[in-house]
Amino acid sequence: MRKSNFALRLQPSLLDDARRTAEEEGVALNQLINVAVAEKVSAIRTEAFFRERARRANIPEAIEILSRMGRGNPPMKGDELPGPEKLDKSVSNRKKRSR
């Protein structure tokens, strides 16, 4: 893999935060910056991909297909909704974890 150097100008406060984050993560500052740039590039490419897919979409056809889904078919094993007691328990567990 070919590597190149690039002079990066960061605001001092951002550089301090990046150094602190790299130290907390146990990685070199250079690696943190590489990963951050890779994540941003990936997000932009993903957005462009879905924007292109949406541009080519046939929305009326998609809605028609979705309207047929599951019609006349009972739920498969494992698709059942949990009983109210299980729902109450999962809500209280979520509240405990968020504290």
PDB file of N, CA and C in Angstrom:
ATOM      1  N   MET A   1       0.841  -1.170   0.000  1.00  0.00           N
ATOM      2  CA  MET A   1       0.000   0.000   0.000  1.00  0.00           C
ATOM      3  C   MET A   1       0.889   1.237   0.000  1.00  0.00           C
ATOM      4  N   ARG A   2       0.597   2.135  -0.911  1.00  0.00           N
ATOM      5  CA  ARG A   2       1.349   3.380  -1.013  1.00  0.00           C
ATOM      6  C   ARG A   2       0.809   4.377   0.001  1.00  0.00           C
ATOM      7  N   LYS A   3       1.695   5.046   0.698  1.00  0.00           N
ATOM      8  CA  LYS A   3       1.288   6.056   1.670  1.00  0.00           C
ATOM      9  C   LYS A   3       1.837   7.396   1.238  1.00  0.00           C
ATOM     10  N   SER A   4       1.160   8.437   1.619  1.00  0.00           N
ATOM     11  CA  SER A   4       1.635   9.777   1.296  1.00  0.00           C
ATOM     12  C   SER A   4       1.455  10.679   2.510  1.00  0.00           C
ATOM     13  N   ASN A   5       2.183  11.741   2.514  1.00  0.00           N
ATOM     14  CA  ASN A   5       2.086  12.725   3.593  1.00  0.00           C
ATOM     15  C   ASN A   5       1.187  13.871   3.154  1.00  0.00           C
ATOM     16  N   PHE A   6       0.492  14.421   4.134  1.00  0.00           N
ATOM     17  CA  PHE A   6      -0.384  15.544   3.866  1.00  0.00           C
ATOM     18  C   PHE A   6      -0.358  16.449   5.090  1.00  0.00           C
ATOM     19  N   ALA A   7      -0.028  17.694   4.888  1.00  0.00           N
ATOM     20  CA  ALA A   7      -0.014  18.639   6.010  1.00  0.00           C
ATOM     21  C   ALA A   7      -1.454  19.003   6.344  1.00  0.00           C
ATOM     22  N   LEU A   8      -1.859  18.698   7.550  1.00  0.00           N
ATOM     23  CA  LEU A   8      -3.235  18.927   7.974  1.00  0.00           C
ATOM     24  C   LEU A   8      -3.261  20.044   9.008  1.00  0.00           C
ATOM     25  N   ARG A   9      -4.029  21.079   8.735  1.00  0.00           N
ATOM     26  CA  ARG A   9      -4.153  22.189   9.676  1.00  0.00           C
ATOM     27  C   ARG A   9      -5.451  22.016  10.448  1.00  0.00           C
ATOM     28  N   LEU A  10      -5.320  21.841  11.750  1.00  0.00           N
ATOM     29  CA  LEU A  10      -6.491  21.700  12.612  1.00  0.00           C
ATOM     30  C   LEU A  10      -6.505  22.832  13.626  1.00  0.00           C
ATOM     31  N   GLN A  11      -7.686  23.213  14.039  1.00  0.00           N
ATOM     32  CA  GLN A  11      -7.800  24.177  15.122  1.00  0.00           C
ATOM     33  C   GLN A  11      -7.185  23.535  16.366  1.00  0.00           C
ATOM     34  N   PRO A  12      -6.479  24.317  17.169  1.00  0.00           N
ATOM     35  CA  PRO A  12      -5.821  23.743  18.355  1.00  0.00           C
ATOM     36  C   PRO A  12      -6.755  22.944  19.250  1.00  0.00           C
ATOM     37  N   SER A  13      -7.966  23.428  19.463  1.00  0.00           N
ATOM     38  CA  SER A  13      -8.895  22.703  20.342  1.00  0.00           C
ATOM     39  C   SER A  13      -9.296  21.358  19.735  1.00  0.00           C
ATOM     40  N   LEU A  14      -9.475  21.315  18.422  1.00  0.00           N
ATOM     41  CA  LEU A  14      -9.819  20.065  17.747  1.00  0.00           C
ATOM     42  C   LEU A  14      -8.649  19.088  17.803  1.00  0.00           C
ATOM     43  N   LEU A  15      -7.441  19.601  17.614  1.00  0.00           N
ATOM     44  CA  LEU A  15      -6.253  18.763  17.702  1.00  0.00           C
ATOM     45  C   LEU A  15      -6.109  18.185  19.113  1.00  0.00           C
ATOM     46  N   ASP A  16      -6.357  19.011  20.122  1.00  0.00           N
ATOM     47  CA  ASP A  16      -6.289  18.525  21.506  1.00  0.00           C
ATOM     48  C   ASP A  16      -7.311  17.412  21.741  1.00  0.00           C
ATOM     49  N   ASP A  17      -8.532  17.628  21.261  1.00  0.00           N
ATOM     50  CA  ASP A  17      -9.571  16.600  21.409  1.00  0.00           C
ATOM     51  C   ASP A  17      -9.191  15.322  20.671  1.00  0.00           C
ATOM     52  N   ALA A  18      -8.637  15.466  19.476  1.00  0.00           N
ATOM     53  CA  ALA A  18      -8.236  14.293  18.696  1.00  0.00           C
ATOM     54  C   ALA A  18      -7.124  13.534  19.405  1.00  0.00           C
ATOM     55  N   ARG A  19      -6.153  14.239  19.937  1.00  0.00           N
ATOM     56  CA  ARG A  19      -5.061  13.575  20.674  1.00  0.00           C
ATOM     57  C   ARG A  19      -5.605  12.835  21.892  1.00  0.00           C
ATOM     58  N   ARG A  20      -6.497  13.491  22.619  1.00  0.00           N
ATOM     59  CA  ARG A  20      -7.079  12.875  23.816  1.00  0.00           C
ATOM     60  C   ARG A  20      -7.868  11.621  23.436  1.00  0.00           C
ATOM     61  N   THR A  21      -8.654  11.713  22.365  1.00  0.00           N
ATOM     62  CA  THR A  21      -9.454  10.577  21.917  1.00  0.00           C
ATOM     63  C   THR A  21      -8.557   9.428  21.473  1.00  0.00           C
ATOM     64  N   ALA A  22      -7.508   9.738  20.727  1.00  0.00           N
ATOM     65  CA  ALA A  22      -6.575   8.700  20.278  1.00  0.00           C
ATOM     66  C   ALA A  22      -5.950   8.001  21.475  1.00  0.00           C
ATOM     67  N   GLU A  23      -5.575   8.783  22.473  1.00  0.00           N
ATOM     68  CA  GLU A  23      -4.966   8.193  23.667  1.00  0.00           C
ATOM     69  C   GLU A  23      -5.972   7.298  24.390  1.00  0.00           C
ATOM     70  N   GLU A  24      -7.217   7.776  24.527  1.00  0.00           N
ATOM     71  CA  GLU A  24      -8.254   6.972  25.183  1.00  0.00           C
ATOM     72  C   GLU A  24      -8.531   5.677  24.433  1.00  0.00           C
ATOM     73  N   GLU A  25      -8.463   5.744  23.113  1.00  0.00           N
ATOM     74  CA  GLU A  25      -8.710   4.559  22.281  1.00  0.00           C
ATOM     75  C   GLU A  25      -7.479   3.669  22.165  1.00  0.00           C
ATOM     76  N   GLY A  26      -6.340   4.172  22.591  1.00  0.00           N
ATOM     77  CA  GLY A  26      -5.109   3.385  22.524  1.00  0.00           C
ATOM     78  C   GLY A  26      -4.548   3.250  21.123  1.00  0.00           C
ATOM     79  N   VAL A  27      -4.750   4.284  20.311  1.00  0.00           N
ATOM     80  CA  VAL A  27      -4.242   4.270  18.936  1.00  0.00           C
ATOM     81  C   VAL A  27      -3.422   5.531  18.695  1.00  0.00           C
ATOM     82  N   ALA A  28      -2.635   5.495  17.634  1.00  0.00           N
ATOM     83  CA  ALA A  28      -1.864   6.674  17.250  1.00  0.00           C
ATOM     84  C   ALA A  28      -2.803   7.730  16.676  1.00  0.00           C
ATOM     85  N   LEU A  29      -2.430   8.982  16.834  1.00  0.00           N
ATOM     86  CA  LEU A  29      -3.231  10.078  16.285  1.00  0.00           C
ATOM     87  C   LEU A  29      -3.417   9.898  14.779  1.00  0.00           C
ATOM     88  N   ASN A  30      -2.374   9.493  14.093  1.00  0.00           N
ATOM     89  CA  ASN A  30      -2.457   9.275  12.651  1.00  0.00           C
ATOM     90  C   ASN A  30      -3.519   8.222  12.308  1.00  0.00           C
ATOM     91  N   GLN A  31      -3.543   7.136  13.094  1.00  0.00           N
ATOM     92  CA  GLN A  31      -4.534   6.085  12.841  1.00  0.00           C
ATOM     93  C   GLN A  31      -5.945   6.602  13.097  1.00  0.00           C
ATOM     94  N   LEU A  32      -6.130   7.370  14.165  1.00  0.00           N
ATOM     95  CA  LEU A  32      -7.442   7.940  14.457  1.00  0.00           C
ATOM     96  C   LEU A  32      -7.918   8.818  13.295  1.00  0.00           C
ATOM     97  N   ILE A  33      -7.035   9.659  12.787  1.00  0.00           N
ATOM     98  CA  ILE A  33      -7.401  10.545  11.678  1.00  0.00           C
ATOM     99  C   ILE A  33      -7.708   9.733  10.423  1.00  0.00           C
ATOM    100  N   ASN A  34      -6.915   8.696  10.151  1.00  0.00           N
ATOM    101  CA  ASN A  34      -7.180   7.838   8.989  1.00  0.00           C
ATOM    102  C   ASN A  34      -8.554   7.183   9.087  1.00  0.00           C
ATOM    103  N   VAL A  35      -8.883   6.663  10.261  1.00  0.00           N
ATOM    104  CA  VAL A  35     -10.179   6.008  10.442  1.00  0.00           C
ATOM    105  C   VAL A  35     -11.310   7.023  10.310  1.00  0.00           C
ATOM    106  N   ALA A  36     -11.132   8.212  10.880  1.00  0.00           N
ATOM    107  CA  ALA A  36     -12.173   9.245  10.796  1.00  0.00           C
ATOM    108  C   ALA A  36     -12.425   9.645   9.337  1.00  0.00           C
ATOM    109  N   VAL A  37     -11.364   9.822   8.577  1.00  0.00           N
ATOM    110  CA  VAL A  37     -11.518  10.181   7.161  1.00  0.00           C
ATOM    111  C   VAL A  37     -12.184   9.032   6.400  1.00  0.00           C
ATOM    112  N   ALA A  38     -11.767   7.793   6.682  1.00  0.00           N
ATOM    113  CA  ALA A  38     -12.360   6.636   6.007  1.00  0.00           C
ATOM    114  C   ALA A  38     -13.853   6.535   6.314  1.00  0.00           C
ATOM    115  N   GLU A  39     -14.236   6.770   7.569  1.00  0.00           N
ATOM    116  CA  GLU A  39     -15.655   6.721   7.935  1.00  0.00           C
ATOM    117  C   GLU A  39     -16.448   7.800   7.206  1.00  0.00           C
ATOM    118  N   LYS A  40     -15.904   8.991   7.106  1.00  0.00           N
ATOM    119  CA  LYS A  40     -16.614  10.085   6.434  1.00  0.00           C
ATOM    120  C   LYS A  40     -16.759   9.802   4.944  1.00  0.00           C
ATOM    121  N   VAL A  41     -15.679   9.331   4.323  1.00  0.00           N
ATOM    122  CA  VAL A  41     -15.737   8.997   2.891  1.00  0.00           C
ATOM    123  C   VAL A  41     -16.767   7.890   2.654  1.00  0.00           C
ATOM    124  N   SER A  42     -16.775   6.897   3.526  1.00  0.00           N
ATOM    125  CA  SER A  42     -17.740   5.809   3.411  1.00  0.00           C
ATOM    126  C   SER A  42     -19.167   6.318   3.534  1.00  0.00           C
ATOM    127  N   ALA A  43     -19.417   7.216   4.487  1.00  0.00           N
ATOM    128  CA  ALA A  43     -20.760   7.772   4.663  1.00  0.00           C
ATOM    129  C   ALA A  43     -21.210   8.543   3.424  1.00  0.00           C
ATOM    130  N   ILE A  44     -20.310   9.315   2.851  1.00  0.00           N
ATOM    131  CA  ILE A  44     -20.649  10.090   1.655  1.00  0.00           C
ATOM    132  C   ILE A  44     -20.924   9.163   0.477  1.00  0.00           C
ATOM    133  N   ARG A  45     -20.098   8.135   0.317  1.00  0.00           N
ATOM    134  CA  ARG A  45     -20.322   7.173  -0.779  1.00  0.00           C
ATOM    135  C   ARG A  45     -21.633   6.424  -0.593  1.00  0.00           C
ATOM    136  N   THR A  46     -21.952   6.052   0.645  1.00  0.00           N
ATOM    137  CA  THR A  46     -23.205   5.343   0.920  1.00  0.00           C
ATOM    138  C   THR A  46     -24.396   6.233   0.594  1.00  0.00           C
ATOM    139  N   GLU A  47     -24.317   7.493   0.995  1.00  0.00           N
ATOM    140  CA  GLU A  47     -25.401   8.429   0.684  1.00  0.00           C
ATOM    141  C   GLU A  47     -25.582   8.565  -0.822  1.00  0.00           C
ATOM    142  N   ALA A  48     -24.475   8.673  -1.556  1.00  0.00           N
ATOM    143  CA  ALA A  48     -24.550   8.788  -3.016  1.00  0.00           C
ATOM    144  C   ALA A  48     -25.156   7.530  -3.627  1.00  0.00           C
ATOM    145  N   PHE A  49     -24.780   6.363  -3.095  1.00  0.00           N
ATOM    146  CA  PHE A  49     -25.319   5.100  -3.595  1.00  0.00           C
ATOM    147  C   PHE A  49     -26.838   5.070  -3.443  1.00  0.00           C
ATOM    148  N   PHE A  50     -27.323   5.396  -2.224  1.00  0.00           N
ATOM    149  CA  PHE A  50     -28.763   5.347  -1.999  1.00  0.00           C
ATOM    150  C   PHE A  50     -29.505   6.450  -2.745  1.00  0.00           C
ATOM    151  N   ARG A  51     -28.873   7.593  -2.925  1.00  0.00           N
ATOM    152  CA  ARG A  51     -29.489   8.658  -3.710  1.00  0.00           C
ATOM    153  C   ARG A  51     -29.682   8.192  -5.164  1.00  0.00           C
ATOM    154  N   GLU A  52     -28.677   7.519  -5.723  1.00  0.00           N
ATOM    155  CA  GLU A  52     -28.781   6.994  -7.098  1.00  0.00           C
ATOM    156  C   GLU A  52     -29.841   5.905  -7.177  1.00  0.00           C
ATOM    157  N   ARG A  53     -29.867   5.020  -6.174  1.00  0.00           N
ATOM    158  CA  ARG A  53     -30.887   3.972  -6.170  1.00  0.00           C
ATOM    159  C   ARG A  53     -32.282   4.579  -6.086  1.00  0.00           C
ATOM    160  N   ALA A  54     -32.449   5.602  -5.262  1.00  0.00           N
ATOM    161  CA  ALA A  54     -33.752   6.254  -5.124  1.00  0.00           C
ATOM    162  C   ALA A  54     -34.154   6.941  -6.424  1.00  0.00           C
ATOM    163  N   ARG A  55     -33.179   7.498  -7.123  1.00  0.00           N
ATOM    164  CA  ARG A  55     -33.464   8.177  -8.384  1.00  0.00           C
ATOM    165  C   ARG A  55     -34.053   7.202  -9.406  1.00  0.00           C
ATOM    166  N   ARG A  56     -33.560   5.951  -9.368  1.00  0.00           N
ATOM    167  CA  ARG A  56     -34.021   4.944 -10.330  1.00  0.00           C
ATOM    168  C   ARG A  56     -35.249   4.171  -9.846  1.00  0.00           C
ATOM    169  N   ALA A  57     -35.725   4.458  -8.641  1.00  0.00           N
ATOM    170  CA  ALA A  57     -36.809   3.672  -8.051  1.00  0.00           C
ATOM    171  C   ALA A  57     -38.135   3.894  -8.770  1.00  0.00           C
ATOM    172  N   ASN A  58     -38.915   2.832  -8.805  1.00  0.00           N
ATOM    173  CA  ASN A  58     -40.284   2.914  -9.303  1.00  0.00           C
ATOM    174  C   ASN A  58     -41.178   2.808  -8.067  1.00  0.00           C
ATOM    175  N   ILE A  59     -41.505   3.954  -7.490  1.00  0.00           N
ATOM    176  CA  ILE A  59     -42.208   3.979  -6.207  1.00  0.00           C
ATOM    177  C   ILE A  59     -43.588   3.333  -6.277  1.00  0.00           C
ATOM    178  N   PRO A  60     -44.409   3.605  -7.289  1.00  0.00           N
ATOM    179  CA  PRO A  60     -45.715   2.927  -7.342  1.00  0.00           C
ATOM    180  C   PRO A  60     -45.572   1.399  -7.385  1.00  0.00           C
ATOM    181  N   GLU A  61     -44.595   0.902  -8.112  1.00  0.00           N
ATOM    182  CA  GLU A  61     -44.384  -0.556  -8.175  1.00  0.00           C
ATOM    183  C   GLU A  61     -43.939  -1.098  -6.816  1.00  0.00           C
ATOM    184  N   ALA A  62     -43.050  -0.369  -6.141  1.00  0.00           N
ATOM    185  CA  ALA A  62     -42.583  -0.806  -4.826  1.00  0.00           C
ATOM    186  C   ALA A  62     -43.738  -0.841  -3.824  1.00  0.00           C
ATOM    187  N   ILE A  63     -44.587   0.165  -3.852  1.00  0.00           N
ATOM    188  CA  ILE A  63     -45.739   0.203  -2.943  1.00  0.00           C
ATOM    189  C   ILE A  63     -46.683  -0.953  -3.235  1.00  0.00           C
ATOM    190  N   GLU A  64     -46.874  -1.251  -4.495  1.00  0.00           N
ATOM    191  CA  GLU A  64     -47.753  -2.365  -4.869  1.00  0.00           C
ATOM    192  C   GLU A  64     -47.171  -3.685  -4.368  1.00  0.00           C
ATOM    193  N   ILE A  65     -45.884  -3.885  -4.488  1.00  0.00           N
ATOM    194  CA  ILE A  65     -45.234  -5.113  -4.000  1.00  0.00           C
ATOM    195  C   ILE A  65     -45.372  -5.209  -2.486  1.00  0.00           C
ATOM    196  N   LEU A  66     -45.106  -4.101  -1.782  1.00  0.00           N
ATOM    197  CA  LEU A  66     -45.202  -4.109  -0.327  1.00  0.00           C
ATOM    198  C   LEU A  66     -46.624  -4.367   0.146  1.00  0.00           C
ATOM    199  N   SER A  67     -47.610  -3.902  -0.607  1.00  0.00           N
ATOM    200  CA  SER A  67     -49.003  -4.101  -0.191  1.00  0.00           C
ATOM    201  C   SER A  67     -49.399  -5.572  -0.267  1.00  0.00           C
ATOM    202  N   ARG A  68     -48.680  -6.382  -1.049  1.00  0.00           N
ATOM    203  CA  ARG A  68     -48.986  -7.820  -1.163  1.00  0.00           C
ATOM    204  C   ARG A  68     -48.290  -8.638  -0.088  1.00  0.00           C
ATOM    205  N   MET A  69     -47.296  -8.073   0.579  1.00  0.00           N
ATOM    206  CA  MET A  69     -46.482  -8.837   1.522  1.00  0.00           C
ATOM    207  C   MET A  69     -47.302  -9.372   2.684  1.00  0.00           C
ATOM    208  N   GLY A  70     -47.216 -10.658   2.895  1.00  0.00           N
ATOM    209  CA  GLY A  70     -47.835 -11.294   4.040  1.00  0.00           C
ATOM    210  C   GLY A  70     -49.330 -11.505   3.944  1.00  0.00           C
ATOM    211  N   ARG A  71     -49.931 -11.011   2.910  1.00  0.00           N
ATOM    212  CA  ARG A  71     -51.379 -11.148   2.793  1.00  0.00           C
ATOM    213  C   ARG A  71     -51.747 -12.626   2.695  1.00  0.00           C
ATOM    214  N   GLY A  72     -52.603 -13.083   3.604  1.00  0.00           N
ATOM    215  CA  GLY A  72     -53.068 -14.465   3.571  1.00  0.00           C
ATOM    216  C   GLY A  72     -52.113 -15.447   4.229  1.00  0.00           C
ATOM    217  N   ASN A  73     -50.994 -14.987   4.753  1.00  0.00           N
ATOM    218  CA  ASN A  73     -50.041 -15.877   5.400  1.00  0.00           C
ATOM    219  C   ASN A  73     -50.046 -15.636   6.903  1.00  0.00           C
ATOM    220  N   PRO A  74     -50.226 -16.694   7.697  1.00  0.00           N
ATOM    221  CA  PRO A  74     -50.148 -16.499   9.148  1.00  0.00           C
ATOM    222  C   PRO A  74     -48.705 -16.231   9.558  1.00  0.00           C
ATOM    223  N   PRO A  75     -48.483 -15.652  10.731  1.00  0.00           N
ATOM    224  CA  PRO A  75     -47.109 -15.425  11.181  1.00  0.00           C
ATOM    225  C   PRO A  75     -46.347 -16.750  11.273  1.00  0.00           C
ATOM    226  N   MET A  76     -45.084 -16.711  10.905  1.00  0.00           N
ATOM    227  CA  MET A  76     -44.244 -17.901  10.993  1.00  0.00           C
ATOM    228  C   MET A  76     -43.773 -18.065  12.431  1.00  0.00           C
ATOM    229  N   LYS A  77     -43.340 -19.272  12.779  1.00  0.00           N
ATOM    230  CA  LYS A  77     -42.847 -19.536  14.131  1.00  0.00           C
ATOM    231  C   LYS A  77     -41.698 -18.570  14.431  1.00  0.00           C
ATOM    232  N   GLY A  78     -41.785 -17.897  15.575  1.00  0.00           N
ATOM    233  CA  GLY A  78     -40.776 -16.924  15.970  1.00  0.00           C
ATOM    234  C   GLY A  78     -41.185 -15.494  15.660  1.00  0.00           C
ATOM    235  N   ASP A  79     -42.257 -15.305  14.864  1.00  0.00           N
ATOM    236  CA  ASP A  79     -42.730 -13.969  14.519  1.00  0.00           C
ATOM    237  C   ASP A  79     -43.808 -13.461  15.480  1.00  0.00           C
ATOM    238  N   GLU A  80     -44.159 -14.274  16.475  1.00  0.00           N
ATOM    239  CA  GLU A  80     -45.217 -13.887  17.395  1.00  0.00           C
ATOM    240  C   GLU A  80     -44.789 -12.670  18.198  1.00  0.00           C
ATOM    241  N   LEU A  81     -45.770 -11.839  18.558  1.00  0.00           N
ATOM    242  CA  LEU A  81     -45.498 -10.701  19.430  1.00  0.00           C
ATOM    243  C   LEU A  81     -45.371 -11.202  20.855  1.00  0.00           C
ATOM    244  N   PRO A  82     -44.467 -10.614  21.638  1.00  0.00           N
ATOM    245  CA  PRO A  82     -44.353 -11.037  23.033  1.00  0.00           C
ATOM    246  C   PRO A  82     -45.595 -10.621  23.815  1.00  0.00           C
ATOM    247  N   GLY A  83     -45.870 -11.367  24.884  1.00  0.00           N
ATOM    248  CA  GLY A  83     -47.003 -11.042  25.745  1.00  0.00           C
ATOM    249  C   GLY A  83     -46.736  -9.755  26.500  1.00  0.00           C
ATOM    250  N   PRO A  84     -47.765  -9.147  27.078  1.00  0.00           N
ATOM    251  CA  PRO A  84     -47.608  -7.863  27.773  1.00  0.00           C
ATOM    252  C   PRO A  84     -46.597  -7.924  28.917  1.00  0.00           C
ATOM    253  N   GLU A  85     -46.532  -9.066  29.632  1.00  0.00           N
ATOM    254  CA  GLU A  85     -45.586  -9.162  30.740  1.00  0.00           C
ATOM    255  C   GLU A  85     -44.144  -9.092  30.248  1.00  0.00           C
ATOM    256  N   LYS A  86     -43.855  -9.645  29.090  1.00  0.00           N
ATOM    257  CA  LYS A  86     -42.500  -9.596  28.541  1.00  0.00           C
ATOM    258  C   LYS A  86     -42.180  -8.191  28.043  1.00  0.00           C
ATOM    259  N   LEU A  87     -43.164  -7.509  27.450  1.00  0.00           N
ATOM    260  CA  LEU A  87     -42.961  -6.144  26.998  1.00  0.00           C
ATOM    261  C   LEU A  87     -42.662  -5.225  28.174  1.00  0.00           C
ATOM    262  N   ASP A  88     -43.426  -5.368  29.266  1.00  0.00           N
ATOM    263  CA  ASP A  88     -43.204  -4.539  30.459  1.00  0.00           C
ATOM    264  C   ASP A  88     -41.799  -4.754  31.013  1.00  0.00           C
ATOM    265  N   LYS A  89     -41.343  -5.993  31.031  1.00  0.00           N
ATOM    266  CA  LYS A  89     -40.019  -6.325  31.557  1.00  0.00           C
ATOM    267  C   LYS A  89     -38.918  -5.708  30.682  1.00  0.00           C
ATOM    268  N   SER A  90     -39.075  -5.778  29.351  1.00  0.00           N
ATOM    269  CA  SER A  90     -38.038  -5.223  28.477  1.00  0.00           C
ATOM    270  C   SER A  90     -37.977  -3.701  28.585  1.00  0.00           C
ATOM    271  N   VAL A  91     -39.112  -3.047  28.803  1.00  0.00           N
ATOM    272  CA  VAL A  91     -39.131  -1.591  28.972  1.00  0.00           C
ATOM    273  C   VAL A  91     -38.416  -1.217  30.256  1.00  0.00           C
ATOM    274  N   SER A  92     -38.690  -1.934  31.357  1.00  0.00           N
ATOM    275  CA  SER A  92     -38.027  -1.595  32.621  1.00  0.00           C
ATOM    276  C   SER A  92     -36.538  -1.884  32.551  1.00  0.00           C
ATOM    277  N   ASN A  93     -36.109  -2.929  31.835  1.00  0.00           N
ATOM    278  CA  ASN A  93     -34.685  -3.206  31.659  1.00  0.00           C
ATOM    279  C   ASN A  93     -33.994  -2.099  30.885  1.00  0.00           C
ATOM    280  N   ARG A  94     -34.667  -1.576  29.851  1.00  0.00           N
ATOM    281  CA  ARG A  94     -34.098  -0.485  29.051  1.00  0.00           C
ATOM    282  C   ARG A  94     -33.924   0.764  29.905  1.00  0.00           C
ATOM    283  N   LYS A  95     -34.906   1.038  30.763  1.00  0.00           N
ATOM    284  CA  LYS A  95     -34.824   2.221  31.631  1.00  0.00           C
ATOM    285  C   LYS A  95     -33.661   2.086  32.601  1.00  0.00           C
ATOM    286  N   LYS A  96     -33.435   0.893  33.137  1.00  0.00           N
ATOM    287  CA  LYS A  96     -32.332   0.662  34.063  1.00  0.00           C
ATOM    288  C   LYS A  96     -30.982   0.903  33.376  1.00  0.00           C
ATOM    289  N   ARG A  97     -30.847   0.402  32.139  1.00  0.00           N
ATOM    290  CA  ARG A  97     -29.585   0.547  31.397  1.00  0.00           C
ATOM    291  C   ARG A  97     -29.297   1.990  31.031  1.00  0.00           C
ATOM    292  N   SER A  98     -30.332   2.809  30.809  1.00  0.00           N
ATOM    293  CA  SER A  98     -30.109   4.192  30.380  1.00  0.00           C
ATOM    294  C   SER A  98     -29.729   5.106  31.527  1.00  0.00           C
ATOM    295  N   ARG A  99     -29.844   4.632  32.761  1.00  0.00           N
ATOM    296  CA  ARG A  99     -29.516   5.481  33.927  1.00  0.00           C
ATOM    297  C   ARG A  99     -28.055   5.602  34.139  1.00  0.00           C
TER     298      ARG A  99
END
